[in-house]
Amino acid sequence: MGEPVLSIRNLCVSFRTGRDLVPAVIDVSIDVDAGETVSVVGESGSGKSTTASAINGLLPENAVITGGSILFDGKDTTRLHEHQLITLRGAGIGLVPQDPMSNLNPLMRVGEQIAEALEAHNYSKGKETPSRVVELLEMVGIPEPARRAKQYPHEFSGGMRQRVLIAMGLACRPRLLIADEPTSALDVTVQARILDQLDSLTDELGTAVFLITHDLALAAERADRIVVMCQGRVVEEGVPDQILMKPVHEYTRELITAAPSLASHRVLVPRPPIPDDAVELVCMTDVTKEFPMRGAQRAEQTKFTAVENLSLTIRAGSTVSLVGESGSGKSTTANMLLGLENVTSGTIMFDGTDLAGLSRAELLSFRRRVQPVFQNPYSSLDPRYTVEDTIIEPLRVHHVGDKGSQQARCAELLDQVALPASFAQRLPHELSGGQRQRVAIARALALKPDLVVLDEAVSALDVVVQAQVLRLLAQLQEDMKLSYLFISHDLSVVRMISDEVHVMRQGRIVESGTPAELFEHPQHPYTRELLAAIPGRRLHSL
């Protein structure tokens, strides 16, 4: 083989914090050959994204490369001027970033944004550009590409927006593509389709891929080689089978143990099964929710059915999960149970009382007993509130206790979610994602609820932190006799915590059962599709 397309040698990157330099990447060396996919794996703060940002000169202003080199096609990118880096980006090194909504301009049509990428690098000009845009959208599997090119990002699903970013990353046929968590926010079925497409396109173009992920299972399925990073250093490197079957470093073994693969069973906190005669805390019967369709013509369909004839029960002390892809109706179901959306038809009974008949005072009392934990710990906490303010806010709203007792309750809750008492005066930006989600859980528990609705509450977390939070939830349930409605797009996560699972598709429950029943004997084709899409199935044999 010839020289690597990318050769990182002894790279060191630090961040300025006041007068200090804090190391983030320490003596990292990685090679990527032409046509090869190398995956860099590690949790948040491991240095993987900082390493990627250093390659094409996109480090933040307070970052400093303090040592080493990054050779791309024989040129050290750490020594290039900004105008040289601008030429390199897109044309030589493509990028597929993580969040499609924040990386697409909401004010520009999708086609215009792809055209901008083409023309910036003189890859296409004038009249030929629109046809090249359509060709790229068609290449990444966007239906009706000519029509879709004229639409705005908000008119695309999350999966389609991610495909647009892939089209932009590959528009100028780069020799190297950096894919930074390109599918972490997507459902497993959509993730599998997009990664299949990315594999096919990069094979066709001969593009080398630098794939960043926190999911070792995903890396094992998609990469030719895996590089494991921990606390800024490369701790292990090898082909997937070697990493999975004979991991050398303790951190790699921790990643494997934490991966919510098909081998996962409910062993988080051993406890007896829920008795058959347990109280039915929630009973949803034939629930339907319709939304009006904005801009619909009189002759067209004027309503969208988000949930149709849904029935489920949640027994006291149990965990009932809803699983399915985006748009299946899971979150709408949660919002109806939380009293945030009214049902169109059907009934929701909570502890024997119909939610539809509650007065304002009764609704306030109900909300003390049912609390939510949402998906994104970075947006669900007010950045201006300290941890203490966040946790005791429900107590203030419901006029529970005085200032002293509220502060005492905060200290008690921090202890329950395994956070130090000193965190009470911290702001959200001073916490990691996992720590923020523990604060959100503490806030949900402040009023001592009977039911907690967890809407994708662990999907934004690294697998190691995810496993920690799942164990915490299981322990809290055991200690406080909580009931959970757990919503996820990931069946492998659901298996780790659920007593009963309902699979949703297009607003309907298509299959129900215990986790063991669904995993070992799935009946519906869609359930089998979800199971088949879980990455890293080789972990099943470990």
Protein backbone atom coordinates (compact mmCIF):
# COMPACT_ATOMS: atom_id res chain seq x y z
CA MET A 1 0.00 0.00 0.00
CA GLY A 2 1.06 3.61 -0.59
CA GLU A 3 1.22 6.47 1.84
CA PRO A 4 -1.84 6.96 4.10
CA VAL A 5 -4.36 9.59 3.03
CA LEU A 6 -4.24 10.86 6.62
CA SER A 7 -1.36 10.48 9.05
CA ILE A 8 -1.72 12.00 12.52
CA ARG A 9 1.55 11.90 14.47
CA ASN A 10 1.96 12.65 18.20
CA LEU A 11 -0.82 15.25 18.13
CA CYS A 12 -1.31 17.34 21.29
CA VAL A 13 -4.16 19.84 21.69
CA SER A 14 -4.91 21.96 24.77
CA PHE A 15 -7.63 24.48 25.69
CA ARG A 16 -6.98 27.86 27.27
CA THR A 17 -8.94 28.39 30.49
CA GLY A 18 -7.84 31.70 31.96
CA ARG A 19 -4.07 31.49 32.27
CA ASP A 20 -3.96 27.70 32.15
CA LEU A 21 -3.71 25.22 29.28
CA VAL A 22 -5.81 22.10 29.83
CA PRO A 23 -4.72 19.09 27.70
CA ALA A 24 -7.53 17.56 25.62
CA VAL A 25 -5.55 15.43 23.13
CA ILE A 26 -2.28 13.88 24.26
CA ASP A 27 0.28 12.31 21.89
CA VAL A 28 -2.31 10.83 19.48
CA SER A 29 -1.15 8.98 16.34
CA ILE A 30 -3.64 7.57 13.79
CA ASP A 31 -3.29 6.57 10.11
CA VAL A 32 -6.14 6.24 7.58
CA ASP A 33 -5.48 4.58 4.21
CA ALA A 34 -7.31 5.25 0.95
CA GLY A 35 -10.74 3.59 0.94
CA GLU A 36 -10.40 2.60 4.61
CA THR A 37 -12.90 3.35 7.38
CA VAL A 38 -11.24 4.02 10.74
CA SER A 39 -13.57 4.57 13.68
CA VAL A 40 -12.49 6.54 16.74
CA VAL A 41 -14.49 5.47 19.78
CA GLY A 42 -14.80 7.02 23.23
CA GLU A 43 -17.16 8.82 25.57
CA SER A 44 -17.68 12.59 25.72
CA GLY A 45 -14.44 14.29 26.71
CA SER A 46 -12.24 11.50 25.37
CA GLY A 47 -10.73 13.81 22.73
CA LYS A 48 -12.16 12.15 19.63
CA SER A 49 -14.06 15.18 18.26
CA THR A 50 -11.18 17.52 19.15
CA THR A 51 -8.85 15.28 17.12
CA ALA A 52 -11.25 15.42 14.17
CA SER A 53 -11.61 19.20 14.39
CA ALA A 54 -7.82 19.58 14.32
CA ILE A 55 -7.60 17.72 10.99
CA ASN A 56 -9.40 20.39 8.95
CA GLY A 57 -8.61 23.38 11.15
CA LEU A 58 -11.99 23.77 12.82
CA LEU A 59 -10.84 23.89 16.44
CA PRO A 60 -12.47 26.55 18.65
CA GLU A 61 -10.60 29.80 19.27
CA ASN A 62 -9.37 28.78 22.71
CA ALA A 63 -7.78 25.57 21.40
CA VAL A 64 -4.04 25.36 20.77
CA ILE A 65 -2.12 22.64 18.93
CA THR A 66 0.91 22.26 21.19
CA GLY A 67 2.67 19.44 19.37
CA GLY A 68 2.66 16.88 16.57
CA SER A 69 1.61 16.96 12.93
CA ILE A 70 -1.38 16.08 10.72
CA LEU A 71 -0.36 15.04 7.23
CA PHE A 72 -3.11 15.00 4.57
CA ASP A 73 -1.83 14.07 1.13
CA GLY A 74 1.64 14.83 2.44
CA LYS A 75 0.84 18.38 3.66
CA ASP A 76 0.82 19.27 7.35
CA THR A 77 -2.60 20.86 7.90
CA THR A 78 -1.48 22.32 11.24
CA ARG A 79 0.84 24.66 9.32
CA LEU A 80 -1.62 25.81 6.65
CA HIS A 81 -3.00 29.36 6.54
CA GLU A 82 -6.75 29.89 6.85
CA HIS A 83 -7.28 30.46 3.11
CA GLN A 84 -5.45 27.18 2.39
CA LEU A 85 -7.66 25.38 4.91
CA ILE A 86 -10.79 26.84 3.30
CA THR A 87 -9.66 25.38 -0.03
CA LEU A 88 -8.95 22.04 1.63
CA ARG A 89 -12.33 21.75 3.35
CA GLY A 90 -14.96 20.19 1.14
CA ALA A 91 -12.67 19.67 -1.84
CA GLY A 92 -10.08 17.48 -0.11
CA ILE A 93 -11.69 16.74 3.27
CA GLY A 94 -15.46 16.42 3.53
CA LEU A 95 -17.41 16.71 6.77
CA VAL A 96 -20.67 15.18 7.96
CA PRO A 97 -21.44 16.82 11.35
CA GLN A 98 -23.63 15.43 14.10
CA ASP A 99 -26.73 17.60 14.34
CA PRO A 100 -28.46 18.18 10.98
CA MET A 101 -30.81 20.84 12.34
CA SER A 102 -28.07 23.13 13.66
CA ASN A 103 -25.77 22.53 10.67
CA LEU A 104 -28.26 23.45 7.96
CA ASN A 105 -29.32 27.07 7.45
CA PRO A 106 -33.07 27.22 8.20
CA LEU A 107 -33.45 30.30 5.94
CA MET A 108 -31.95 28.70 2.81
CA ARG A 109 -33.47 26.07 0.56
CA VAL A 110 -31.73 22.71 0.71
CA GLY A 111 -30.66 22.88 -2.93
CA GLU A 112 -29.14 26.33 -2.44
CA GLN A 113 -27.00 25.04 0.42
CA ILE A 114 -25.64 22.14 -1.64
CA ALA A 115 -25.04 24.50 -4.58
CA GLU A 116 -23.09 26.81 -2.27
CA ALA A 117 -20.80 23.93 -1.31
CA LEU A 118 -20.22 23.05 -4.98
CA GLU A 119 -19.53 26.59 -6.16
CA ALA A 120 -17.30 27.49 -3.23
CA HIS A 121 -14.79 24.92 -4.46
CA ASN A 122 -15.31 25.54 -8.19
CA TYR A 123 -16.67 22.04 -8.54
CA SER A 124 -19.70 23.25 -10.42
CA LYS A 125 -20.83 26.61 -11.78
CA GLY A 126 -23.70 28.29 -13.52
CA LYS A 127 -26.36 26.29 -15.31
CA GLU A 128 -24.83 22.91 -14.52
CA THR A 129 -25.15 23.41 -10.74
CA PRO A 130 -28.92 22.67 -10.35
CA SER A 131 -28.60 19.37 -12.19
CA ARG A 132 -25.58 18.43 -10.04
CA VAL A 133 -27.59 19.26 -6.90
CA VAL A 134 -30.42 16.98 -8.02
CA GLU A 135 -27.89 14.27 -8.85
CA LEU A 136 -26.40 14.49 -5.34
CA LEU A 137 -29.81 14.35 -3.63
CA GLU A 138 -30.72 11.35 -5.76
CA MET A 139 -27.36 9.73 -4.89
CA VAL A 140 -28.16 9.86 -1.14
CA GLY A 141 -31.65 8.47 -1.63
CA ILE A 142 -33.83 11.59 -1.37
CA PRO A 143 -37.12 10.92 -3.23
CA GLU A 144 -38.29 13.47 -5.82
CA PRO A 145 -34.93 15.27 -5.63
CA ALA A 146 -35.84 18.11 -8.01
CA ARG A 147 -38.86 19.06 -5.88
CA ARG A 148 -37.09 18.47 -2.58
CA ALA A 149 -34.18 20.72 -3.59
CA LYS A 150 -36.60 23.68 -3.43
CA GLN A 151 -37.71 22.93 0.14
CA TYR A 152 -36.34 24.16 3.48
CA PRO A 153 -34.69 21.98 6.16
CA HIS A 154 -37.76 22.05 8.44
CA GLU A 155 -39.71 20.28 5.69
CA PHE A 156 -37.34 17.28 5.92
CA SER A 157 -37.29 14.51 8.51
CA GLY A 158 -34.19 14.04 10.69
CA GLY A 159 -33.01 11.16 8.50
CA MET A 160 -33.47 13.15 5.31
CA ARG A 161 -31.61 16.15 6.76
CA GLN A 162 -28.72 13.84 7.63
CA ARG A 163 -28.71 12.60 4.02
CA VAL A 164 -28.46 16.21 2.85
CA LEU A 165 -25.36 16.68 5.04
CA ILE A 166 -23.87 13.51 3.54
CA ALA A 167 -24.57 14.89 0.04
CA MET A 168 -22.80 18.13 1.00
CA GLY A 169 -19.88 16.25 2.54
CA LEU A 170 -19.38 14.16 -0.61
CA ALA A 171 -20.32 16.88 -3.12
CA CYS A 172 -16.74 17.57 -4.22
CA ARG A 173 -15.66 13.91 -4.10
CA PRO A 174 -13.18 14.39 -1.21
CA ARG A 175 -10.38 11.92 -0.55
CA LEU A 176 -11.23 11.91 3.18
CA LEU A 177 -14.63 12.17 4.88
CA ILE A 178 -14.89 13.04 8.58
CA ALA A 179 -18.19 11.72 9.94
CA ASP A 180 -18.69 13.03 13.50
CA GLU A 181 -21.47 11.03 15.20
CA PRO A 182 -23.41 11.21 11.90
CA THR A 183 -26.38 9.11 13.05
CA SER A 184 -26.44 9.36 16.86
CA ALA A 185 -29.74 11.29 16.90
CA LEU A 186 -31.50 8.90 14.51
CA ASP A 187 -33.64 5.80 14.93
CA VAL A 188 -31.82 2.49 14.51
CA THR A 189 -33.67 1.63 11.29
CA VAL A 190 -32.92 5.04 9.72
CA GLN A 191 -29.35 4.84 11.07
CA ALA A 192 -28.80 1.50 9.38
CA ARG A 193 -30.13 2.73 6.02
CA ILE A 194 -28.01 5.90 6.10
CA LEU A 195 -24.83 4.08 7.12
CA ASP A 196 -25.42 1.46 4.38
CA GLN A 197 -25.74 4.30 1.91
CA LEU A 198 -22.62 6.03 3.23
CA ASP A 199 -20.66 2.78 2.93
CA SER A 200 -21.83 2.31 -0.65
CA LEU A 201 -21.02 5.87 -1.70
CA THR A 202 -17.57 5.97 -0.12
CA ASP A 203 -16.73 2.58 -1.66
CA GLU A 204 -17.80 3.90 -5.05
CA LEU A 205 -15.74 7.08 -4.68
CA GLY A 206 -12.76 5.41 -2.96
CA THR A 207 -13.11 7.86 -0.07
CA ALA A 208 -11.34 7.23 3.25
CA VAL A 209 -13.64 7.66 6.28
CA PHE A 210 -12.73 8.97 9.74
CA LEU A 211 -15.82 7.88 11.72
CA ILE A 212 -16.34 9.26 15.23
CA THR A 213 -18.77 7.52 17.57
CA HIS A 214 -19.32 6.75 21.24
CA ASP A 215 -20.90 3.40 20.32
CA LEU A 216 -18.39 0.56 20.11
CA ALA A 217 -21.06 -1.76 18.70
CA LEU A 218 -21.64 0.60 15.78
CA ALA A 219 -17.90 0.94 15.16
CA ALA A 220 -17.46 -2.83 15.20
CA GLU A 221 -20.06 -3.22 12.48
CA ARG A 222 -18.90 -0.40 10.22
CA ALA A 223 -15.14 0.11 10.54
CA ASP A 224 -12.07 -1.64 9.15
CA ARG A 225 -10.12 -0.55 12.22
CA ILE A 226 -11.13 0.81 15.63
CA VAL A 227 -9.17 3.34 17.68
CA VAL A 228 -10.28 3.63 21.32
CA MET A 229 -9.65 6.96 23.04
CA CYS A 230 -9.92 7.72 26.76
CA GLN A 231 -9.04 11.00 28.52
CA GLY A 232 -7.29 12.38 25.45
CA ARG A 233 -5.12 9.34 24.70
CA VAL A 234 -5.31 6.37 22.34
CA VAL A 235 -5.55 3.37 24.69
CA GLU A 236 -6.16 0.60 22.14
CA GLU A 237 -6.27 0.02 18.39
CA GLY A 238 -7.07 -2.97 16.19
CA VAL A 239 -9.49 -4.66 13.82
CA PRO A 240 -13.07 -5.05 15.15
CA ASP A 241 -12.85 -8.77 15.97
CA GLN A 242 -9.64 -8.24 17.92
CA ILE A 243 -11.12 -5.33 19.90
CA LEU A 244 -14.36 -7.19 20.65
CA MET A 245 -12.98 -10.64 21.39
CA LYS A 246 -9.66 -9.81 23.05
CA PRO A 247 -9.82 -6.27 24.46
CA VAL A 248 -6.60 -5.33 26.21
CA HIS A 249 -7.45 -2.09 27.98
CA GLU A 250 -9.87 -1.89 30.91
CA TYR A 251 -11.70 1.06 29.32
CA THR A 252 -12.37 -0.95 26.14
CA ARG A 253 -13.82 -3.73 28.28
CA GLU A 254 -16.01 -1.12 30.01
CA LEU A 255 -17.31 0.10 26.64
CA ILE A 256 -18.15 -3.47 25.61
CA THR A 257 -19.94 -4.14 28.91
CA ALA A 258 -21.92 -0.91 28.62
CA ALA A 259 -23.05 -1.48 25.00
CA PRO A 260 -26.82 -2.18 25.08
CA SER A 261 -26.54 -5.08 22.63
CA LEU A 262 -28.78 -8.05 22.05
CA ALA A 263 -26.92 -9.75 24.89
CA SER A 264 -28.34 -7.26 27.42
CA HIS A 265 -30.82 -8.59 29.95
CA ARG A 266 -32.56 -6.97 32.86
CA VAL A 267 -29.90 -7.50 35.50
CA LEU A 268 -29.51 -3.85 36.47
CA VAL A 269 -31.11 -4.26 39.91
CA PRO A 270 -32.39 -7.76 40.76
CA ARG A 271 -35.98 -7.69 42.02
CA PRO A 272 -39.03 -9.92 41.98
CA PRO A 273 -41.48 -9.71 39.05
CA ILE A 274 -44.46 -7.37 39.28
CA PRO A 275 -47.40 -9.30 40.82
CA ASP A 276 -50.39 -9.89 38.56
CA ASP A 277 -52.72 -8.25 41.07
CA ALA A 278 -50.69 -5.00 41.26
CA VAL A 279 -52.77 -1.82 41.08
CA GLU A 280 -53.35 -0.44 37.56
CA LEU A 281 -51.97 3.07 37.95
CA VAL A 282 -52.58 4.02 34.29
CA CYS A 283 -55.17 2.63 31.92
CA MET A 284 -55.31 4.07 28.37
CA THR A 285 -58.22 2.71 26.32
CA ASP A 286 -58.75 3.22 22.57
CA VAL A 287 -56.89 6.55 22.66
CA THR A 288 -56.71 8.49 19.40
CA LYS A 289 -55.03 11.83 18.76
CA GLU A 290 -55.56 13.86 15.59
CA PHE A 291 -53.84 17.09 14.62
CA PRO A 292 -55.12 19.59 12.02
CA MET A 293 -52.92 19.85 8.95
CA ARG A 294 -51.91 23.46 8.36
CA GLY A 295 -52.34 24.76 4.84
CA ALA A 296 -54.46 21.82 3.71
CA GLN A 297 -56.97 22.56 0.93
CA ARG A 298 -60.63 21.78 1.48
CA ALA A 299 -60.51 18.82 -0.87
CA GLU A 300 -57.45 17.38 0.84
CA GLN A 301 -57.13 15.47 4.09
CA THR A 302 -57.36 18.04 6.88
CA LYS A 303 -56.29 15.91 9.85
CA PHE A 304 -53.22 13.88 10.72
CA THR A 305 -53.70 10.88 13.02
CA ALA A 306 -50.66 10.71 15.31
CA VAL A 307 -52.03 8.00 17.63
CA GLU A 308 -54.83 5.58 16.73
CA ASN A 309 -56.83 3.30 19.04
CA LEU A 310 -53.99 2.86 21.53
CA SER A 311 -54.60 0.81 24.67
CA LEU A 312 -52.10 0.04 27.45
CA THR A 313 -51.87 -0.27 31.21
CA ILE A 314 -49.09 0.58 33.65
CA ARG A 315 -49.16 -1.34 36.92
CA ALA A 316 -47.78 0.25 40.06
CA GLY A 317 -44.03 -0.30 40.40
CA SER A 318 -43.55 -1.47 36.79
CA THR A 319 -41.75 -0.14 33.72
CA VAL A 320 -43.76 -0.09 30.50
CA SER A 321 -41.88 0.91 27.36
CA LEU A 322 -42.96 2.32 24.02
CA VAL A 323 -40.49 1.69 21.21
CA GLY A 324 -40.56 2.77 17.58
CA GLU A 325 -39.03 5.18 15.10
CA SER A 326 -39.59 8.95 14.95
CA GLY A 327 -43.16 9.76 13.98
CA SER A 328 -44.57 6.51 15.40
CA GLY A 329 -46.62 8.35 18.04
CA LYS A 330 -44.55 7.60 21.15
CA SER A 331 -44.03 11.19 22.32
CA THR A 332 -47.62 12.16 21.50
CA THR A 333 -48.76 9.31 23.75
CA ALA A 334 -46.47 10.59 26.52
CA ASN A 335 -47.79 14.15 26.14
CA MET A 336 -51.38 12.94 26.46
CA LEU A 337 -50.53 11.01 29.61
CA LEU A 338 -48.77 14.08 31.03
CA GLY A 339 -51.85 16.18 30.33
CA LEU A 340 -49.98 18.32 27.81
CA GLU A 341 -52.21 17.20 24.92
CA ASN A 342 -55.93 16.45 24.97
CA VAL A 343 -57.15 13.16 23.52
CA THR A 344 -59.34 13.27 20.42
CA SER A 345 -61.18 10.14 21.54
CA GLY A 346 -60.74 7.35 24.05
CA THR A 347 -59.97 7.57 27.77
CA ILE A 348 -56.93 7.89 30.01
CA MET A 349 -57.51 6.79 33.60
CA PHE A 350 -54.94 7.61 36.29
CA ASP A 351 -55.45 5.87 39.62
CA GLY A 352 -59.10 5.38 38.74
CA THR A 353 -59.80 8.98 37.63
CA ASP A 354 -60.48 10.09 34.03
CA LEU A 355 -58.00 12.82 33.09
CA ALA A 356 -60.54 14.44 30.76
CA GLY A 357 -62.76 15.42 33.68
CA LEU A 358 -60.14 17.07 35.89
CA SER A 359 -60.64 20.63 37.12
CA ARG A 360 -57.69 23.04 37.10
CA ALA A 361 -56.97 22.34 40.77
CA GLU A 362 -57.25 18.58 40.22
CA LEU A 363 -54.93 18.81 37.20
CA LEU A 364 -52.31 20.59 39.33
CA SER A 365 -52.60 17.81 41.93
CA PHE A 366 -52.29 15.19 39.18
CA ARG A 367 -49.09 16.78 37.90
CA ARG A 368 -47.52 16.43 41.33
CA ARG A 369 -47.91 12.67 40.89
CA VAL A 370 -46.70 12.44 37.27
CA GLN A 371 -43.37 14.00 36.25
CA PRO A 372 -41.36 14.00 32.98
CA VAL A 373 -37.68 13.56 32.09
CA PHE A 374 -36.98 14.71 28.55
CA GLN A 375 -34.42 13.67 25.94
CA ASN A 376 -31.82 16.40 25.74
CA PRO A 377 -30.13 17.32 29.03
CA TYR A 378 -28.52 20.30 27.27
CA SER A 379 -31.85 21.98 26.46
CA SER A 380 -34.13 20.77 29.27
CA LEU A 381 -32.28 22.71 32.00
CA ASP A 382 -32.48 26.52 32.25
CA PRO A 383 -28.88 27.75 31.72
CA ARG A 384 -29.48 30.61 34.21
CA TYR A 385 -30.61 28.35 37.06
CA THR A 386 -28.23 26.70 39.49
CA VAL A 387 -28.70 22.99 40.13
CA GLU A 388 -30.44 23.84 43.41
CA ASP A 389 -32.81 26.30 41.69
CA THR A 390 -33.64 23.67 39.06
CA ILE A 391 -34.37 20.90 41.55
CA ILE A 392 -36.49 22.94 43.96
CA GLU A 393 -38.48 24.77 41.25
CA PRO A 394 -41.30 22.13 41.33
CA LEU A 395 -41.48 22.54 45.11
CA ARG A 396 -41.92 26.31 44.73
CA VAL A 397 -44.54 25.94 41.98
CA HIS A 398 -46.59 23.57 44.14
CA HIS A 399 -45.91 25.53 47.36
CA VAL A 400 -44.28 22.59 49.10
CA GLY A 401 -42.25 23.54 52.20
CA ASP A 402 -40.28 26.64 53.11
CA LYS A 403 -36.83 27.64 51.83
CA GLY A 404 -34.99 25.57 54.43
CA SER A 405 -36.95 22.38 53.82
CA GLN A 406 -36.65 22.86 50.05
CA GLN A 407 -32.87 23.14 50.31
CA ALA A 408 -32.81 20.04 52.52
CA ARG A 409 -34.91 18.19 49.93
CA CYS A 410 -32.44 19.28 47.21
CA ALA A 411 -29.52 17.87 49.22
CA GLU A 412 -31.44 14.62 49.71
CA LEU A 413 -32.20 14.34 45.98
CA LEU A 414 -28.59 15.04 44.94
CA ASP A 415 -27.55 12.18 47.18
CA GLN A 416 -30.19 9.91 45.63
CA VAL A 417 -28.94 10.57 42.10
CA ALA A 418 -25.30 10.17 43.21
CA LEU A 419 -24.18 13.78 42.79
CA PRO A 420 -22.07 15.64 45.40
CA ALA A 421 -23.80 18.24 47.58
CA SER A 422 -21.31 20.81 46.21
CA PHE A 423 -23.06 20.60 42.81
CA ALA A 424 -26.03 22.55 44.22
CA GLN A 425 -24.51 25.91 43.24
CA ARG A 426 -23.23 24.87 39.82
CA LEU A 427 -24.77 26.01 36.53
CA PRO A 428 -25.67 23.54 33.73
CA HIS A 429 -22.66 24.49 31.57
CA GLU A 430 -20.41 23.27 34.40
CA LEU A 431 -21.87 19.74 34.18
CA SER A 432 -21.39 16.85 31.78
CA GLY A 433 -24.34 15.42 29.84
CA GLY A 434 -24.73 12.54 32.27
CA GLN A 435 -24.61 14.87 35.27
CA ARG A 436 -27.24 17.13 33.70
CA GLN A 437 -29.55 14.19 33.16
CA ARG A 438 -29.12 13.18 36.81
CA VAL A 439 -30.20 16.72 37.75
CA ALA A 440 -33.25 16.37 35.47
CA ILE A 441 -34.11 13.08 37.20
CA ALA A 442 -33.68 14.70 40.63
CA ARG A 443 -36.05 17.50 39.55
CA ALA A 444 -38.62 14.93 38.42
CA LEU A 445 -38.43 13.18 41.81
CA ALA A 446 -38.68 16.36 43.90
CA LEU A 447 -42.45 16.03 44.42
CA LYS A 448 -42.27 12.28 45.17
CA PRO A 449 -44.32 11.28 42.10
CA ASP A 450 -45.94 7.91 41.49
CA LEU A 451 -45.17 7.87 37.75
CA VAL A 452 -42.18 9.23 35.79
CA VAL A 453 -42.45 9.59 32.01
CA LEU A 454 -38.98 9.19 30.47
CA ASP A 455 -39.06 10.40 26.86
CA GLU A 456 -35.81 9.26 25.19
CA ALA A 457 -34.13 10.11 28.50
CA VAL A 458 -30.87 8.25 27.73
CA SER A 459 -30.63 8.48 23.94
CA ALA A 460 -28.35 11.56 23.98
CA LEU A 461 -25.85 9.95 26.36
CA ASP A 462 -22.66 7.96 25.76
CA VAL A 463 -23.04 4.21 26.28
CA VAL A 464 -21.04 4.22 29.53
CA VAL A 465 -23.04 7.13 31.00
CA GLN A 466 -26.23 5.62 29.57
CA ALA A 467 -25.63 2.40 31.47
CA GLN A 468 -24.97 4.37 34.67
CA VAL A 469 -28.23 6.32 34.31
CA LEU A 470 -30.22 3.15 33.55
CA ARG A 471 -28.85 1.52 36.71
CA LEU A 472 -29.73 4.67 38.66
CA LEU A 473 -33.31 4.60 37.33
CA ALA A 474 -33.67 0.93 38.23
CA GLN A 475 -32.32 1.51 41.75
CA LEU A 476 -34.58 4.55 42.31
CA GLN A 477 -37.56 2.54 41.15
CA GLU A 478 -36.73 -0.18 43.64
CA ASP A 479 -36.14 2.27 46.50
CA MET A 480 -39.11 4.58 45.86
CA LYS A 481 -41.63 2.14 44.30
CA LEU A 482 -41.82 4.27 41.16
CA SER A 483 -43.65 3.43 37.95
CA TYR A 484 -42.11 4.37 34.60
CA LEU A 485 -43.35 4.98 31.09
CA PHE A 486 -40.07 4.61 29.18
CA ILE A 487 -39.95 5.85 25.59
CA SER A 488 -37.14 4.91 23.22
CA HIS A 489 -36.33 4.16 19.60
CA ASP A 490 -33.78 1.55 20.71
CA LEU A 491 -35.03 -1.95 21.54
CA SER A 492 -31.71 -2.98 23.04
CA VAL A 493 -31.95 -0.20 25.65
CA VAL A 494 -35.59 -1.03 26.32
CA ARG A 495 -34.66 -4.63 27.09
CA MET A 496 -32.40 -3.53 29.94
CA ILE A 497 -35.13 -1.82 31.97
CA SER A 498 -38.62 -2.95 30.92
CA ASP A 499 -41.26 -5.26 32.32
CA GLU A 500 -43.52 -4.84 29.28
CA VAL A 501 -42.85 -3.43 25.80
CA HIS A 502 -45.22 -2.04 23.17
CA VAL A 503 -43.88 -1.60 19.63
CA MET A 504 -45.43 1.39 17.85
CA ARG A 505 -45.56 2.16 14.16
CA GLN A 506 -47.51 4.90 12.41
CA GLY A 507 -49.54 5.66 15.51
CA ARG A 508 -50.55 2.09 16.32
CA ILE A 509 -49.26 -0.58 18.66
CA VAL A 510 -48.28 -3.45 16.35
CA GLU A 511 -46.86 -5.86 18.95
CA SER A 512 -46.70 -6.17 22.74
CA GLY A 513 -44.98 -8.51 25.18
CA THR A 514 -42.21 -8.95 27.69
CA PRO A 515 -38.69 -8.05 26.52
CA ALA A 516 -37.77 -11.75 26.35
CA GLU A 517 -40.81 -12.54 24.19
CA LEU A 518 -40.11 -9.73 21.74
CA PHE A 519 -36.39 -10.43 21.48
CA GLU A 520 -36.63 -14.19 21.20
CA HIS A 521 -39.90 -14.57 19.27
CA PRO A 522 -40.78 -11.33 17.44
CA GLN A 523 -44.00 -11.72 15.48
CA HIS A 524 -44.47 -8.48 13.54
CA PRO A 525 -42.19 -7.69 10.55
CA TYR A 526 -41.52 -4.22 11.94
CA THR A 527 -40.32 -5.62 15.28
CA ARG A 528 -37.98 -7.92 13.37
CA GLU A 529 -36.77 -4.92 11.35
CA LEU A 530 -35.99 -2.99 14.56
CA LEU A 531 -34.08 -5.95 15.96
CA ALA A 532 -32.13 -6.46 12.74
CA ALA A 533 -31.11 -2.79 12.72
CA ILE A 534 -29.42 -2.88 16.14
CA PRO A 535 -25.70 -2.40 15.47
CA GLY A 536 -22.99 -4.68 16.78
CA ARG A 537 -24.90 -7.94 16.74
CA ARG A 538 -21.58 -9.73 17.09
CA LEU A 539 -21.61 -8.63 20.72
CA HIS A 540 -24.38 -11.19 21.26
CA SER A 541 -21.81 -13.96 21.34
CA LEU A 542 -19.50 -12.28 23.86
